[in-house]
Protein backbone atom coordinates (compact mmCIF):
# COMPACT_ATOMS: atom_id res chain seq x y z
CA MET A 1 105.60 72.78 78.56
CA ILE A 2 103.36 75.43 79.48
CA LEU A 3 102.73 74.38 83.43
CA PRO A 4 106.55 73.36 83.84
CA ALA A 5 106.99 77.03 82.77
CA PHE A 6 104.77 78.91 84.56
CA HIS A 7 106.09 76.88 87.56
CA HIS A 8 109.61 78.12 87.19
CA ALA A 9 108.32 81.96 86.26
CA THR A 10 106.85 81.61 89.59
CA ALA A 11 108.79 79.95 91.77
CA PHE A 12 111.60 82.43 90.73
CA ALA A 13 109.02 85.09 91.35
CA PHE A 14 108.36 83.90 94.94
CA GLY A 15 112.35 83.51 95.08
CA VAL A 16 113.12 87.29 94.66
CA LEU A 17 110.12 88.41 96.57
CA GLY A 18 111.67 85.99 99.42
CA ASN A 19 114.97 87.78 99.07
CA ILE A 20 113.67 90.96 99.36
CA VAL A 21 111.62 90.09 102.93
CA SER A 22 114.56 88.12 104.42
CA PHE A 23 116.88 90.87 103.57
CA LEU A 24 114.51 93.02 105.58
CA VAL A 25 114.46 90.61 108.56
CA TYR A 26 118.26 90.20 108.55
CA LEU A 27 118.15 93.95 109.11
CA SER A 28 115.42 94.33 111.74
CA PRO A 29 117.44 93.94 114.52
CA ILE A 30 119.45 96.80 113.76
CA PRO A 31 117.20 99.11 116.39
CA THR A 32 118.04 96.46 118.54
CA PHE A 33 121.61 96.84 118.09
CA TYR A 34 121.75 100.64 117.88
CA ARG A 35 120.21 100.58 121.62
CA ILE A 36 122.39 97.96 122.77
CA CYS A 37 125.75 100.02 121.61
CA ARG A 38 123.96 103.13 122.75
CA LYS A 39 123.83 101.93 126.52
CA LYS A 40 126.54 99.60 126.28
CA SER A 41 124.36 96.97 127.55
CA THR A 42 122.60 93.95 126.03
CA GLU A 43 119.69 94.17 128.89
CA GLY A 44 116.85 91.91 128.47
CA PHE A 45 118.01 90.40 125.14
CA ASP A 46 119.13 87.16 124.38
CA SER A 47 121.86 85.79 121.93
CA LEU A 48 120.28 82.36 121.14
CA PRO A 49 117.90 83.32 118.25
CA TYR A 50 120.86 85.49 116.45
CA LEU A 51 122.91 82.34 116.83
CA VAL A 52 120.29 79.80 115.50
CA ALA A 53 119.62 82.22 112.43
CA LEU A 54 123.04 82.35 112.03
CA PHE A 55 123.06 78.29 112.11
CA SER A 56 120.25 77.85 109.78
CA SER A 57 121.89 80.45 107.35
CA MET A 58 124.84 78.19 107.30
CA LEU A 59 122.90 74.98 106.46
CA TRP A 60 120.92 76.45 104.11
CA LEU A 61 123.62 78.10 102.36
CA TYR A 62 125.38 74.32 101.74
CA TYR A 63 122.22 72.58 101.24
CA ALA A 64 121.97 74.83 97.71
CA MET A 65 125.56 74.36 97.25
CA LEU A 66 125.35 70.78 97.59
CA LYS A 67 121.64 70.94 95.51
CA GLY A 68 123.17 72.65 92.81
CA ASN A 69 120.71 75.35 90.59
CA ALA A 70 119.86 77.72 93.79
CA MET A 71 121.45 80.84 93.17
CA LEU A 72 118.23 82.44 94.86
CA LEU A 73 118.92 80.50 98.08
CA ILE A 74 123.00 80.59 97.93
CA THR A 75 122.45 84.85 97.56
CA ILE A 76 120.32 85.45 100.50
CA ASN A 77 122.12 82.92 103.11
CA SER A 78 125.43 84.09 101.88
CA PHE A 79 124.33 87.58 103.36
CA GLY A 80 122.56 85.83 106.35
CA CYS A 81 125.86 84.70 107.63
CA VAL A 82 127.33 87.64 107.50
CA ILE A 83 124.95 89.69 109.00
CA GLU A 84 124.37 87.74 111.78
CA MET A 85 127.98 87.38 112.62
CA VAL A 86 127.98 90.67 113.40
CA TYR A 87 125.05 90.78 115.42
CA ILE A 88 126.88 88.13 117.50
CA ILE A 89 130.17 90.00 117.43
CA LEU A 90 128.28 93.41 118.92
CA TYR A 91 126.54 91.09 121.62
CA ILE A 92 129.40 89.70 123.04
CA THR A 93 131.08 93.35 122.72
CA TYR A 94 128.83 94.64 125.32
CA ALA A 95 127.56 91.69 127.30
CA THR A 96 127.98 90.71 130.84
CA ARG A 97 130.79 88.05 131.69
CA TYR A 98 127.92 85.36 132.34
CA SER A 99 126.17 85.78 129.05
CA ARG A 100 129.64 86.34 126.52
CA LYS A 101 130.73 82.98 128.11
CA LEU A 102 127.42 81.54 127.13
CA THR A 103 127.22 82.68 123.89
CA ILE A 104 130.67 81.92 122.92
CA ARG A 105 130.01 78.09 124.19
CA TYR A 106 127.09 77.58 122.17
CA PHE A 107 128.40 79.25 119.21
CA ILE A 108 131.41 76.86 119.86
CA ALA A 109 128.80 73.92 120.24
CA MET A 110 126.14 74.76 117.44
CA ASN A 111 127.80 76.92 114.44
CA LEU A 112 131.13 75.02 114.13
CA GLY A 113 130.62 71.71 116.27
CA ALA A 114 126.93 70.11 115.17
CA PHE A 115 127.66 72.04 111.23
CA SER A 116 130.80 70.35 111.15
CA PHE A 117 129.12 66.84 112.44
CA PHE A 118 126.06 67.16 110.00
CA ILE A 119 128.23 67.81 107.04
CA LEU A 120 130.99 64.75 107.69
CA MET A 121 127.75 62.66 108.81
CA THR A 122 125.59 63.15 105.37
CA ARG A 123 129.15 63.12 103.30
CA TYR A 124 130.03 59.72 104.68
CA ALA A 125 126.94 58.26 106.30
CA ALA A 126 124.34 58.88 103.53
CA PRO A 127 124.72 57.61 100.08
CA PRO A 128 125.36 59.88 97.44
CA HIS A 129 122.04 60.04 96.16
CA LEU A 130 120.44 60.39 99.25
CA GLN A 131 123.13 63.18 100.54
CA VAL A 132 120.55 66.08 99.21
CA ALA A 133 117.29 64.60 101.01
CA VAL A 134 119.17 64.07 104.23
CA PHE A 135 120.99 67.08 104.65
CA GLY A 136 117.45 68.75 103.41
CA TRP A 137 115.37 67.34 106.48
CA ILE A 138 118.41 68.77 108.29
CA CYS A 139 117.92 71.91 107.11
CA VAL A 140 113.91 71.80 107.87
CA ALA A 141 114.54 70.68 112.01
CA VAL A 142 116.46 73.47 112.36
CA SER A 143 114.62 76.15 110.49
CA VAL A 144 111.51 75.03 112.87
CA CYS A 145 113.78 75.84 115.41
CA VAL A 146 114.35 79.17 113.84
CA PHE A 147 110.76 79.90 113.80
CA ALA A 148 110.41 78.41 117.41
CA SER A 149 113.32 80.47 118.60
CA PRO A 150 111.22 83.61 119.85
CA LEU A 151 109.23 81.27 122.13
CA SER A 152 111.01 82.45 125.19
CA VAL A 153 110.35 85.89 124.41
CA VAL A 154 107.07 85.19 123.78
CA ALA A 155 106.78 83.48 127.35
CA GLN A 156 108.16 86.77 128.43
CA VAL A 157 105.96 89.02 126.79
CA ILE A 158 102.88 87.15 128.68
CA ARG A 159 104.52 87.42 132.00
CA THR A 160 105.11 91.20 131.74
CA LYS A 161 102.41 92.06 129.49
CA SER A 162 104.96 93.91 127.49
CA VAL A 163 106.21 93.60 123.79
CA GLU A 164 109.36 95.91 124.45
CA PHE A 165 111.57 93.06 123.83
CA MET A 166 110.16 91.08 120.94
CA PRO A 167 109.86 93.60 117.87
CA PHE A 168 106.87 93.75 115.62
CA TYR A 169 108.85 94.49 112.31
CA LEU A 170 110.57 91.21 113.40
CA SER A 171 107.50 89.47 113.28
CA LEU A 172 105.97 90.86 110.78
CA PHE A 173 108.64 89.91 108.38
CA LEU A 174 109.08 86.49 109.70
CA THR A 175 105.51 86.06 108.74
CA LEU A 176 105.91 87.50 105.34
CA GLY A 177 109.11 85.79 104.64
CA ALA A 178 107.39 82.45 105.60
CA VAL A 179 104.79 83.13 103.11
CA MET A 180 107.40 83.96 100.23
CA TRP A 181 109.69 80.79 100.80
CA PHE A 182 106.48 78.70 100.88
CA GLY A 183 105.69 79.54 97.67
CA PHE A 184 109.15 79.38 96.73
CA GLY A 185 109.43 75.61 97.64
CA PHE A 186 105.85 74.92 96.62
CA PHE A 187 106.17 75.91 92.88
CA SER A 188 109.68 74.36 92.76
CA GLN A 189 108.48 71.48 93.94
CA ASP A 190 111.36 71.68 97.20
CA LYS A 191 109.85 70.43 100.12
CA HIS A 192 112.62 70.84 102.32
CA VAL A 193 111.69 74.83 101.74
CA TYR A 194 107.66 74.71 101.93
CA ILE A 195 107.29 72.84 104.89
CA PRO A 196 109.07 74.57 107.70
CA ASN A 197 107.53 77.68 106.59
CA ILE A 198 103.93 76.53 107.02
CA ILE A 199 104.93 76.26 110.58
CA GLY A 200 106.82 79.42 110.45
CA PHE A 201 103.72 81.27 109.51
CA LEU A 202 101.89 80.17 112.10
CA LEU A 203 104.16 81.20 114.68
CA GLY A 204 104.54 84.35 113.14
CA ILE A 205 100.99 84.67 113.47
CA SER A 206 100.50 84.17 116.80
CA GLN A 207 103.57 86.88 117.70
CA MET A 208 101.68 89.37 115.83
CA VAL A 209 98.36 88.46 117.76
CA LEU A 210 99.99 89.07 121.04
CA HIS A 211 101.12 92.68 119.46
CA VAL A 212 97.80 93.27 119.14
CA ILE A 213 96.98 92.52 122.79
CA TYR A 214 99.87 93.94 124.69
CA ARG A 215 100.60 96.76 122.43
CA ARG A 216 99.38 99.43 124.63
CA GLN A 217 100.06 97.79 127.88
CA PRO A 218 102.60 99.81 129.98
CA ALA A 219 106.38 98.29 130.03
CA GLY A 220 107.14 96.78 133.46
CA LYS A 221 109.59 98.83 135.34
CA VAL A 222 112.74 97.43 134.81
CA ILE A 223 114.81 97.15 138.17
CA ALA A 224 117.88 99.72 138.43
CA VAL A 225 120.42 98.58 140.29
CA GLU A 226 123.94 100.53 140.92
CA LYS A 227 126.78 98.08 139.86
CA LEU A 228 129.03 96.37 142.09
CA PRO A 229 132.64 95.66 141.56
CA GLU A 230 134.01 91.82 140.56
CA SER A 231 136.28 91.92 143.36
CA HIS A 232 132.81 92.28 145.93
CA PRO A 233 132.06 88.92 147.22
CA PHE A 234 128.99 89.52 145.97
CA PRO A 235 128.75 90.98 143.00
CA GLU A 236 125.53 90.28 141.28
CA ILE A 237 122.82 90.23 143.74
CA ILE A 238 119.93 91.46 142.52
CA ILE A 239 116.40 91.73 144.87
CA ALA A 240 113.18 91.44 142.25
CA GLY A 241 109.98 91.37 142.30
CA SER A 242 109.34 93.44 145.38
CA THR A 243 105.23 94.27 146.26
CA ALA A 244 106.47 97.89 147.64
CA PRO A 245 104.72 100.70 146.24
CA ALA A 246 105.34 101.72 142.58
CA GLY A 247 108.28 104.38 142.66
CA GLU A 248 109.64 103.27 146.10
CA THR A 249 113.67 102.59 146.21
CA GLN A 250 115.03 100.69 149.09
CA VAL A 251 118.81 100.49 150.19
CA TYR A 252 120.07 97.17 151.59
CA GLN A 253 123.63 97.09 153.08
CA LEU A 254 125.21 93.89 151.64
CA ALA A 255 125.59 92.98 155.66
CA ASP A 256 122.01 92.81 156.01
CA ILE A 257 121.02 91.39 152.67
CA SER A 258 119.07 88.31 154.13
CA LYS A 259 116.82 90.35 155.60
CA ALA A 260 115.98 91.87 152.39
CA PRO A 261 111.76 90.56 150.95
CA PRO A 262 112.80 87.46 148.79
CA PRO A 263 111.99 87.67 145.05
CA ALA A 264 108.23 87.14 143.99
CA ASP A 265 108.70 84.47 141.49
CA GLY A 266 111.76 82.87 143.39
CA ARG A 267 114.28 83.64 140.96
CA GLU A 268 117.84 85.71 141.01
CA GLN A 269 119.10 87.50 138.59
CA ASP A 270 122.22 88.63 137.45
CA GLY A 271 123.97 92.42 137.75
CA THR A 272 126.81 93.15 136.39
CA ASN A 273 130.04 95.48 137.51
CA GLY A 274 130.37 98.91 138.81
CA ALA A 275 131.50 100.02 142.10
CA THR A 276 129.84 100.88 145.43
CA ASP A 277 129.18 99.04 148.75
CA GLN A 278 125.05 99.43 148.80
CA LEU A 279 122.56 97.67 146.58
CA PRO A 280 119.50 100.20 145.79
CA VAL A 281 116.57 98.03 144.28
CA LYS A 282 114.13 100.05 142.11
CA ARG A 283 110.84 98.70 143.39
CA GLY A 284 108.16 98.89 140.53
CA ASP A 285 104.92 96.81 139.61
CA ASP A 286 106.80 94.40 137.74
CA ALA A 287 110.50 93.62 137.40
CA VAL A 288 112.21 91.98 134.06
């Protein structure tokens, strides 16, 4: 009797701490979205981590309701659904036309389509006594994707040697949250909770190591582009990755755009709307 009571009390303590840390994780993008709202631009930020986080919260909320007696999972994931929806709405508001359409498509496909599919599959394809287990393993797979979603940003950090687009506190709280939810799952004997948090802990540690390595590196110079109107036949042409001296600005007439040096990495990046007939490009050592 003493051991089960100890496990229950310890699981409850880890669950409460997990709620607190996860609450801070959900709030950690606030400085990012304050910057987005202030500049009225999503800049180099991606909407996919917020869409995946919303998807994960929706799945874990349904899992907790399906399992029963999981109030600590219900509370934090209910809050997660609300705050992630706020982030996504703000992102769509200030994103470029292309990013806005892409975000909406992902939302419809993943947060509406895939979520409905998993619920229907579990409800009608799995036997009643296996429904919790089946949906639990779906949650495990998606949680791993949540922890892995910043890997695209990790690649950008390594390429640019700048941690500007990988907030330190988000990585820190994700790591702490993984520890707390591992403890909750372990002591409550719920493998669907503790297994993905082992992976989350390892990925969180790797992100923090990158912060230690690159935190003192100067941020790469961002290309400054005077924007073109949508009615222009080439509204989204930007030349990036020049080998010209840092700080030099070169202006190309659109008629002569083919004479401009090609991008160093062979890619074009999207611009946004504005009004000019020239394309001034800020030349720097690095291009985002």
